[in-house]
Amino acid sequence: MATNLIQTKTFAFSLQIISVYKLLQQEREYVLSKQLLRCSTSVGAMVMEADHAESRADFRHKMSIAQKEINESIYWLKLLEASNYISSEQLFLPLKDANDILHIITRILITVKQNMN
């Protein structure tokens, strides 16, 4: 499916979040879980779109959206943990992976910005 590191990581992250979403649905938590599902799965979608960007500026724009979405995902994961919907142990890997993805996307954006100047 995925052809590079960020695509592989974001696809795997989406699968993790789908599992978290299913868990939350079993607990009858519908609002926060839907927010988490939407922003988390959109990260990989934006990365895939960036792979076929029309220009460097378009690539940068799509990766910037992915960065915002992974930041939002981290927020919802932390909120779910703080509100005791999901334990720290259950969220350890998704939070770690989200932070790894954020770091990679940030490095990509820094490199793109440097190359555009």
N, C-alpha and C. Protein backbone atom coordinates (compact mmCIF):
# COMPACT_ATOMS: atom_id res chain seq x y z
N MET A 1 0.84 -1.21 0.00
CA MET A 1 0.00 0.00 0.00
C MET A 1 0.87 1.25 0.00
N ALA A 2 1.55 1.51 1.09
CA ALA A 2 2.32 2.74 1.20
C ALA A 2 3.72 2.54 0.62
N THR A 3 4.26 3.61 0.06
CA THR A 3 5.54 3.50 -0.63
C THR A 3 6.69 4.20 0.07
N ASN A 4 6.42 4.94 1.11
CA ASN A 4 7.52 5.58 1.84
C ASN A 4 7.20 5.62 3.34
N LEU A 5 8.18 6.04 4.12
CA LEU A 5 8.06 5.99 5.57
C LEU A 5 6.83 6.71 6.11
N ILE A 6 6.62 7.95 5.70
CA ILE A 6 5.49 8.72 6.24
C ILE A 6 4.16 8.12 5.81
N GLN A 7 4.08 7.61 4.60
CA GLN A 7 2.85 6.95 4.17
C GLN A 7 2.60 5.68 4.98
N THR A 8 3.66 4.91 5.19
CA THR A 8 3.54 3.68 5.97
C THR A 8 3.10 3.99 7.40
N LYS A 9 3.73 4.97 8.01
CA LYS A 9 3.42 5.32 9.40
C LYS A 9 2.00 5.88 9.55
N THR A 10 1.58 6.73 8.62
CA THR A 10 0.24 7.32 8.75
C THR A 10 -0.85 6.29 8.48
N PHE A 11 -0.58 5.35 7.59
CA PHE A 11 -1.56 4.28 7.33
C PHE A 11 -1.70 3.39 8.57
N ALA A 12 -0.57 3.00 9.16
CA ALA A 12 -0.59 2.17 10.37
C ALA A 12 -1.27 2.93 11.53
N PHE A 13 -1.01 4.23 11.62
CA PHE A 13 -1.65 5.06 12.65
C PHE A 13 -3.17 5.07 12.47
N SER A 14 -3.62 5.21 11.24
CA SER A 14 -5.06 5.19 10.97
C SER A 14 -5.68 3.87 11.43
N LEU A 15 -5.00 2.77 11.18
CA LEU A 15 -5.51 1.47 11.63
C LEU A 15 -5.58 1.40 13.15
N GLN A 16 -4.56 1.94 13.83
CA GLN A 16 -4.58 1.98 15.30
C GLN A 16 -5.79 2.78 15.79
N ILE A 17 -6.02 3.92 15.17
CA ILE A 17 -7.10 4.79 15.60
C ILE A 17 -8.47 4.15 15.34
N ILE A 18 -8.58 3.41 14.27
CA ILE A 18 -9.83 2.68 14.02
C ILE A 18 -10.10 1.71 15.16
N SER A 19 -9.06 1.06 15.67
CA SER A 19 -9.22 0.16 16.82
C SER A 19 -9.65 0.93 18.07
N VAL A 20 -9.03 2.08 18.30
CA VAL A 20 -9.42 2.93 19.44
C VAL A 20 -10.87 3.39 19.28
N TYR A 21 -11.23 3.77 18.06
CA TYR A 21 -12.60 4.21 17.77
C TYR A 21 -13.60 3.10 18.10
N LYS A 22 -13.30 1.87 17.70
CA LYS A 22 -14.20 0.75 17.98
C LYS A 22 -14.34 0.53 19.48
N LEU A 23 -13.24 0.68 20.20
CA LEU A 23 -13.27 0.56 21.65
C LEU A 23 -14.19 1.61 22.27
N LEU A 24 -14.04 2.83 21.80
CA LEU A 24 -14.86 3.93 22.32
C LEU A 24 -16.34 3.74 21.97
N GLN A 25 -16.61 3.21 20.80
CA GLN A 25 -17.99 2.94 20.41
C GLN A 25 -18.62 1.91 21.34
N GLN A 26 -17.84 0.92 21.75
CA GLN A 26 -18.35 -0.07 22.70
C GLN A 26 -18.69 0.56 24.04
N GLU A 27 -17.95 1.62 24.38
CA GLU A 27 -18.20 2.35 25.62
C GLU A 27 -19.29 3.41 25.45
N ARG A 28 -19.86 3.46 24.27
CA ARG A 28 -20.92 4.43 23.92
C ARG A 28 -20.44 5.87 23.99
N GLU A 29 -19.19 6.07 23.59
CA GLU A 29 -18.65 7.42 23.48
C GLU A 29 -18.62 7.73 21.99
N TYR A 30 -19.52 8.61 21.56
CA TYR A 30 -19.71 8.82 20.13
C TYR A 30 -19.13 10.14 19.62
N VAL A 31 -19.10 11.17 20.42
CA VAL A 31 -18.70 12.50 19.96
C VAL A 31 -17.17 12.61 19.84
N LEU A 32 -16.47 12.37 20.93
CA LEU A 32 -15.01 12.48 20.90
C LEU A 32 -14.40 11.45 19.96
N SER A 33 -14.97 10.26 19.95
CA SER A 33 -14.42 9.20 19.10
C SER A 33 -14.52 9.57 17.62
N LYS A 34 -15.62 10.20 17.24
CA LYS A 34 -15.80 10.61 15.84
C LYS A 34 -14.80 11.70 15.47
N GLN A 35 -14.58 12.65 16.38
CA GLN A 35 -13.60 13.72 16.15
C GLN A 35 -12.21 13.11 15.94
N LEU A 36 -11.85 12.17 16.81
CA LEU A 36 -10.55 11.52 16.72
C LEU A 36 -10.42 10.75 15.40
N LEU A 37 -11.44 10.01 15.04
CA LEU A 37 -11.39 9.22 13.81
C LEU A 37 -11.21 10.11 12.59
N ARG A 38 -11.94 11.20 12.54
CA ARG A 38 -11.89 12.09 11.36
C ARG A 38 -10.50 12.72 11.18
N CYS A 39 -9.99 13.33 12.24
CA CYS A 39 -8.70 14.02 12.07
C CYS A 39 -7.55 13.04 11.91
N SER A 40 -7.60 11.92 12.62
CA SER A 40 -6.50 10.96 12.57
C SER A 40 -6.38 10.28 11.22
N THR A 41 -7.50 9.91 10.63
CA THR A 41 -7.45 9.25 9.33
C THR A 41 -7.17 10.24 8.21
N SER A 42 -7.46 11.50 8.44
CA SER A 42 -7.19 12.50 7.39
C SER A 42 -5.70 12.80 7.25
N VAL A 43 -4.91 12.48 8.28
CA VAL A 43 -3.46 12.70 8.20
C VAL A 43 -2.88 11.91 7.04
N GLY A 44 -3.16 10.63 7.00
CA GLY A 44 -2.67 9.78 5.93
C GLY A 44 -3.22 10.17 4.57
N ALA A 45 -4.48 10.59 4.55
CA ALA A 45 -5.09 11.02 3.29
C ALA A 45 -4.37 12.25 2.74
N MET A 46 -4.02 13.19 3.60
CA MET A 46 -3.29 14.38 3.16
C MET A 46 -1.89 14.04 2.69
N VAL A 47 -1.24 13.12 3.38
CA VAL A 47 0.10 12.68 2.97
C VAL A 47 0.03 12.04 1.58
N MET A 48 -0.98 11.22 1.36
CA MET A 48 -1.15 10.59 0.04
C MET A 48 -1.43 11.65 -1.03
N GLU A 49 -2.25 12.63 -0.70
CA GLU A 49 -2.53 13.71 -1.66
C GLU A 49 -1.26 14.50 -1.96
N ALA A 50 -0.46 14.74 -0.95
CA ALA A 50 0.79 15.50 -1.13
C ALA A 50 1.73 14.77 -2.09
N ASP A 51 1.67 13.46 -2.08
CA ASP A 51 2.52 12.66 -2.96
C ASP A 51 2.23 12.95 -4.44
N HIS A 52 1.04 13.44 -4.72
CA HIS A 52 0.64 13.77 -6.09
C HIS A 52 0.33 15.26 -6.24
N ALA A 53 1.04 16.05 -5.49
CA ALA A 53 0.82 17.50 -5.51
C ALA A 53 1.16 18.07 -6.89
N GLU A 54 0.51 19.16 -7.22
CA GLU A 54 0.72 19.81 -8.52
C GLU A 54 1.96 20.68 -8.54
N SER A 55 2.44 21.06 -7.37
CA SER A 55 3.61 21.93 -7.28
C SER A 55 4.23 21.78 -5.89
N ARG A 56 5.39 22.39 -5.71
CA ARG A 56 6.01 22.38 -4.37
C ARG A 56 5.11 23.10 -3.36
N ALA A 57 4.52 24.18 -3.80
CA ALA A 57 3.63 24.94 -2.90
C ALA A 57 2.42 24.09 -2.52
N ASP A 58 1.88 23.35 -3.47
CA ASP A 58 0.74 22.47 -3.20
C ASP A 58 1.16 21.36 -2.23
N PHE A 59 2.36 20.79 -2.45
CA PHE A 59 2.89 19.76 -1.55
C PHE A 59 3.00 20.31 -0.13
N ARG A 60 3.59 21.48 -0.02
CA ARG A 60 3.77 22.12 1.29
C ARG A 60 2.42 22.38 1.96
N HIS A 61 1.45 22.83 1.19
CA HIS A 61 0.12 23.10 1.74
C HIS A 61 -0.53 21.82 2.28
N LYS A 62 -0.47 20.76 1.50
CA LYS A 62 -1.08 19.50 1.93
C LYS A 62 -0.36 18.91 3.15
N MET A 63 0.97 19.01 3.17
CA MET A 63 1.71 18.52 4.33
C MET A 63 1.43 19.39 5.56
N SER A 64 1.19 20.67 5.35
CA SER A 64 0.84 21.56 6.47
C SER A 64 -0.51 21.17 7.06
N ILE A 65 -1.45 20.79 6.20
CA ILE A 65 -2.75 20.31 6.68
C ILE A 65 -2.56 19.02 7.47
N ALA A 66 -1.72 18.11 6.96
CA ALA A 66 -1.44 16.86 7.67
C ALA A 66 -0.85 17.15 9.05
N GLN A 67 0.03 18.15 9.12
CA GLN A 67 0.63 18.53 10.40
C GLN A 67 -0.45 19.03 11.37
N LYS A 68 -1.36 19.84 10.89
CA LYS A 68 -2.44 20.34 11.75
C LYS A 68 -3.34 19.20 12.22
N GLU A 69 -3.61 18.24 11.34
CA GLU A 69 -4.48 17.13 11.69
C GLU A 69 -3.83 16.19 12.71
N ILE A 70 -2.52 15.97 12.60
CA ILE A 70 -1.85 15.11 13.58
C ILE A 70 -1.78 15.83 14.93
N ASN A 71 -1.62 17.14 14.91
CA ASN A 71 -1.67 17.91 16.16
C ASN A 71 -3.04 17.78 16.81
N GLU A 72 -4.09 17.86 16.01
CA GLU A 72 -5.44 17.70 16.54
C GLU A 72 -5.64 16.29 17.08
N SER A 73 -5.10 15.31 16.40
CA SER A 73 -5.21 13.92 16.86
C SER A 73 -4.58 13.76 18.24
N ILE A 74 -3.42 14.36 18.42
CA ILE A 74 -2.73 14.30 19.72
C ILE A 74 -3.60 14.93 20.80
N TYR A 75 -4.22 16.04 20.47
CA TYR A 75 -5.13 16.70 21.43
C TYR A 75 -6.25 15.76 21.87
N TRP A 76 -6.95 15.14 20.89
CA TRP A 76 -8.07 14.28 21.22
C TRP A 76 -7.61 13.05 22.01
N LEU A 77 -6.46 12.49 21.66
CA LEU A 77 -5.94 11.34 22.40
C LEU A 77 -5.66 11.72 23.85
N LYS A 78 -5.04 12.87 24.05
CA LYS A 78 -4.75 13.33 25.42
C LYS A 78 -6.03 13.63 26.19
N LEU A 79 -7.00 14.19 25.50
CA LEU A 79 -8.29 14.49 26.15
C LEU A 79 -9.00 13.20 26.56
N LEU A 80 -9.00 12.21 25.69
CA LEU A 80 -9.62 10.92 26.01
C LEU A 80 -8.93 10.26 27.20
N GLU A 81 -7.63 10.40 27.27
CA GLU A 81 -6.87 9.85 28.39
C GLU A 81 -7.20 10.61 29.68
N ALA A 82 -7.18 11.94 29.62
CA ALA A 82 -7.44 12.77 30.80
C ALA A 82 -8.87 12.61 31.32
N SER A 83 -9.79 12.31 30.43
CA SER A 83 -11.19 12.15 30.85
C SER A 83 -11.52 10.70 31.20
N ASN A 84 -10.49 9.86 31.23
CA ASN A 84 -10.61 8.46 31.64
C ASN A 84 -11.47 7.59 30.73
N TYR A 85 -11.59 7.97 29.48
CA TYR A 85 -12.27 7.10 28.53
C TYR A 85 -11.37 5.94 28.10
N ILE A 86 -10.08 6.22 28.05
CA ILE A 86 -9.11 5.20 27.66
C ILE A 86 -7.89 5.33 28.57
N SER A 87 -7.32 4.21 28.92
CA SER A 87 -6.19 4.22 29.85
C SER A 87 -4.91 4.68 29.17
N SER A 88 -3.97 5.10 29.98
CA SER A 88 -2.66 5.52 29.48
C SER A 88 -1.98 4.39 28.73
N GLU A 89 -2.15 3.17 29.24
CA GLU A 89 -1.53 2.01 28.60
C GLU A 89 -2.10 1.79 27.20
N GLN A 90 -3.40 1.96 27.04
CA GLN A 90 -4.04 1.76 25.74
C GLN A 90 -3.65 2.86 24.75
N LEU A 91 -3.33 4.04 25.26
CA LEU A 91 -3.00 5.16 24.39
C LEU A 91 -1.50 5.37 24.21
N PHE A 92 -0.69 4.57 24.90
CA PHE A 92 0.75 4.78 24.81
C PHE A 92 1.24 4.70 23.36
N LEU A 93 0.94 3.62 22.67
CA LEU A 93 1.43 3.45 21.30
C LEU A 93 0.82 4.47 20.33
N PRO A 94 -0.50 4.68 20.33
CA PRO A 94 -1.03 5.70 19.42
C PRO A 94 -0.44 7.09 19.66
N LEU A 95 -0.25 7.48 20.92
CA LEU A 95 0.35 8.79 21.21
C LEU A 95 1.81 8.85 20.77
N LYS A 96 2.53 7.78 21.01
CA LYS A 96 3.94 7.73 20.59
C LYS A 96 4.02 7.85 19.06
N ASP A 97 3.19 7.08 18.37
CA ASP A 97 3.21 7.11 16.90
C ASP A 97 2.77 8.47 16.37
N ALA A 98 1.78 9.08 17.01
CA ALA A 98 1.33 10.40 16.58
C ALA A 98 2.45 11.43 16.73
N ASN A 99 3.17 11.36 17.82
CA ASN A 99 4.29 12.28 18.02
C ASN A 99 5.42 12.02 17.03
N ASP A 100 5.67 10.75 16.72
CA ASP A 100 6.67 10.41 15.70
C ASP A 100 6.26 10.98 14.34
N ILE A 101 5.00 10.82 14.00
CA ILE A 101 4.48 11.35 12.72
C ILE A 101 4.60 12.87 12.69
N LEU A 102 4.24 13.52 13.79
CA LEU A 102 4.37 14.97 13.86
C LEU A 102 5.81 15.40 13.62
N HIS A 103 6.74 14.69 14.23
CA HIS A 103 8.15 15.02 14.06
C HIS A 103 8.58 14.85 12.59
N ILE A 104 8.18 13.77 11.96
CA ILE A 104 8.55 13.52 10.57
C ILE A 104 7.96 14.58 9.64
N ILE A 105 6.68 14.87 9.83
CA ILE A 105 6.03 15.88 8.98
C ILE A 105 6.69 17.25 9.18
N THR A 106 7.00 17.58 10.41
CA THR A 106 7.66 18.86 10.70
C THR A 106 9.01 18.93 10.00
N ARG A 107 9.78 17.84 10.04
CA ARG A 107 11.08 17.80 9.34
C ARG A 107 10.88 17.94 7.83
N ILE A 108 9.88 17.28 7.29
CA ILE A 108 9.60 17.40 5.86
C ILE A 108 9.29 18.84 5.50
N LEU A 109 8.45 19.49 6.30
CA LEU A 109 8.07 20.88 6.03
C LEU A 109 9.27 21.82 6.14
N ILE A 110 10.13 21.59 7.11
CA ILE A 110 11.33 22.43 7.23
C ILE A 110 12.19 22.28 5.98
N THR A 111 12.38 21.05 5.54
CA THR A 111 13.19 20.80 4.34
C THR A 111 12.57 21.44 3.11
N VAL A 112 11.26 21.31 2.95
CA VAL A 112 10.57 21.90 1.79
C VAL A 112 10.72 23.41 1.80
N LYS A 113 10.52 24.02 2.96
CA LYS A 113 10.65 25.47 3.07
C LYS A 113 12.07 25.93 2.71
N GLN A 114 13.06 25.19 3.19
CA GLN A 114 14.46 25.54 2.86
C GLN A 114 14.72 25.41 1.36
N ASN A 115 14.18 24.39 0.75
CA ASN A 115 14.39 24.17 -0.68
C ASN A 115 13.63 25.16 -1.55
N MET A 116 12.58 25.75 -1.01
CA MET A 116 11.80 26.73 -1.78
C MET A 116 12.46 28.11 -1.76
N ASN A 117 13.34 28.34 -0.80
CA ASN A 117 14.01 29.65 -0.68
C ASN A 117 15.23 29.76 -1.54
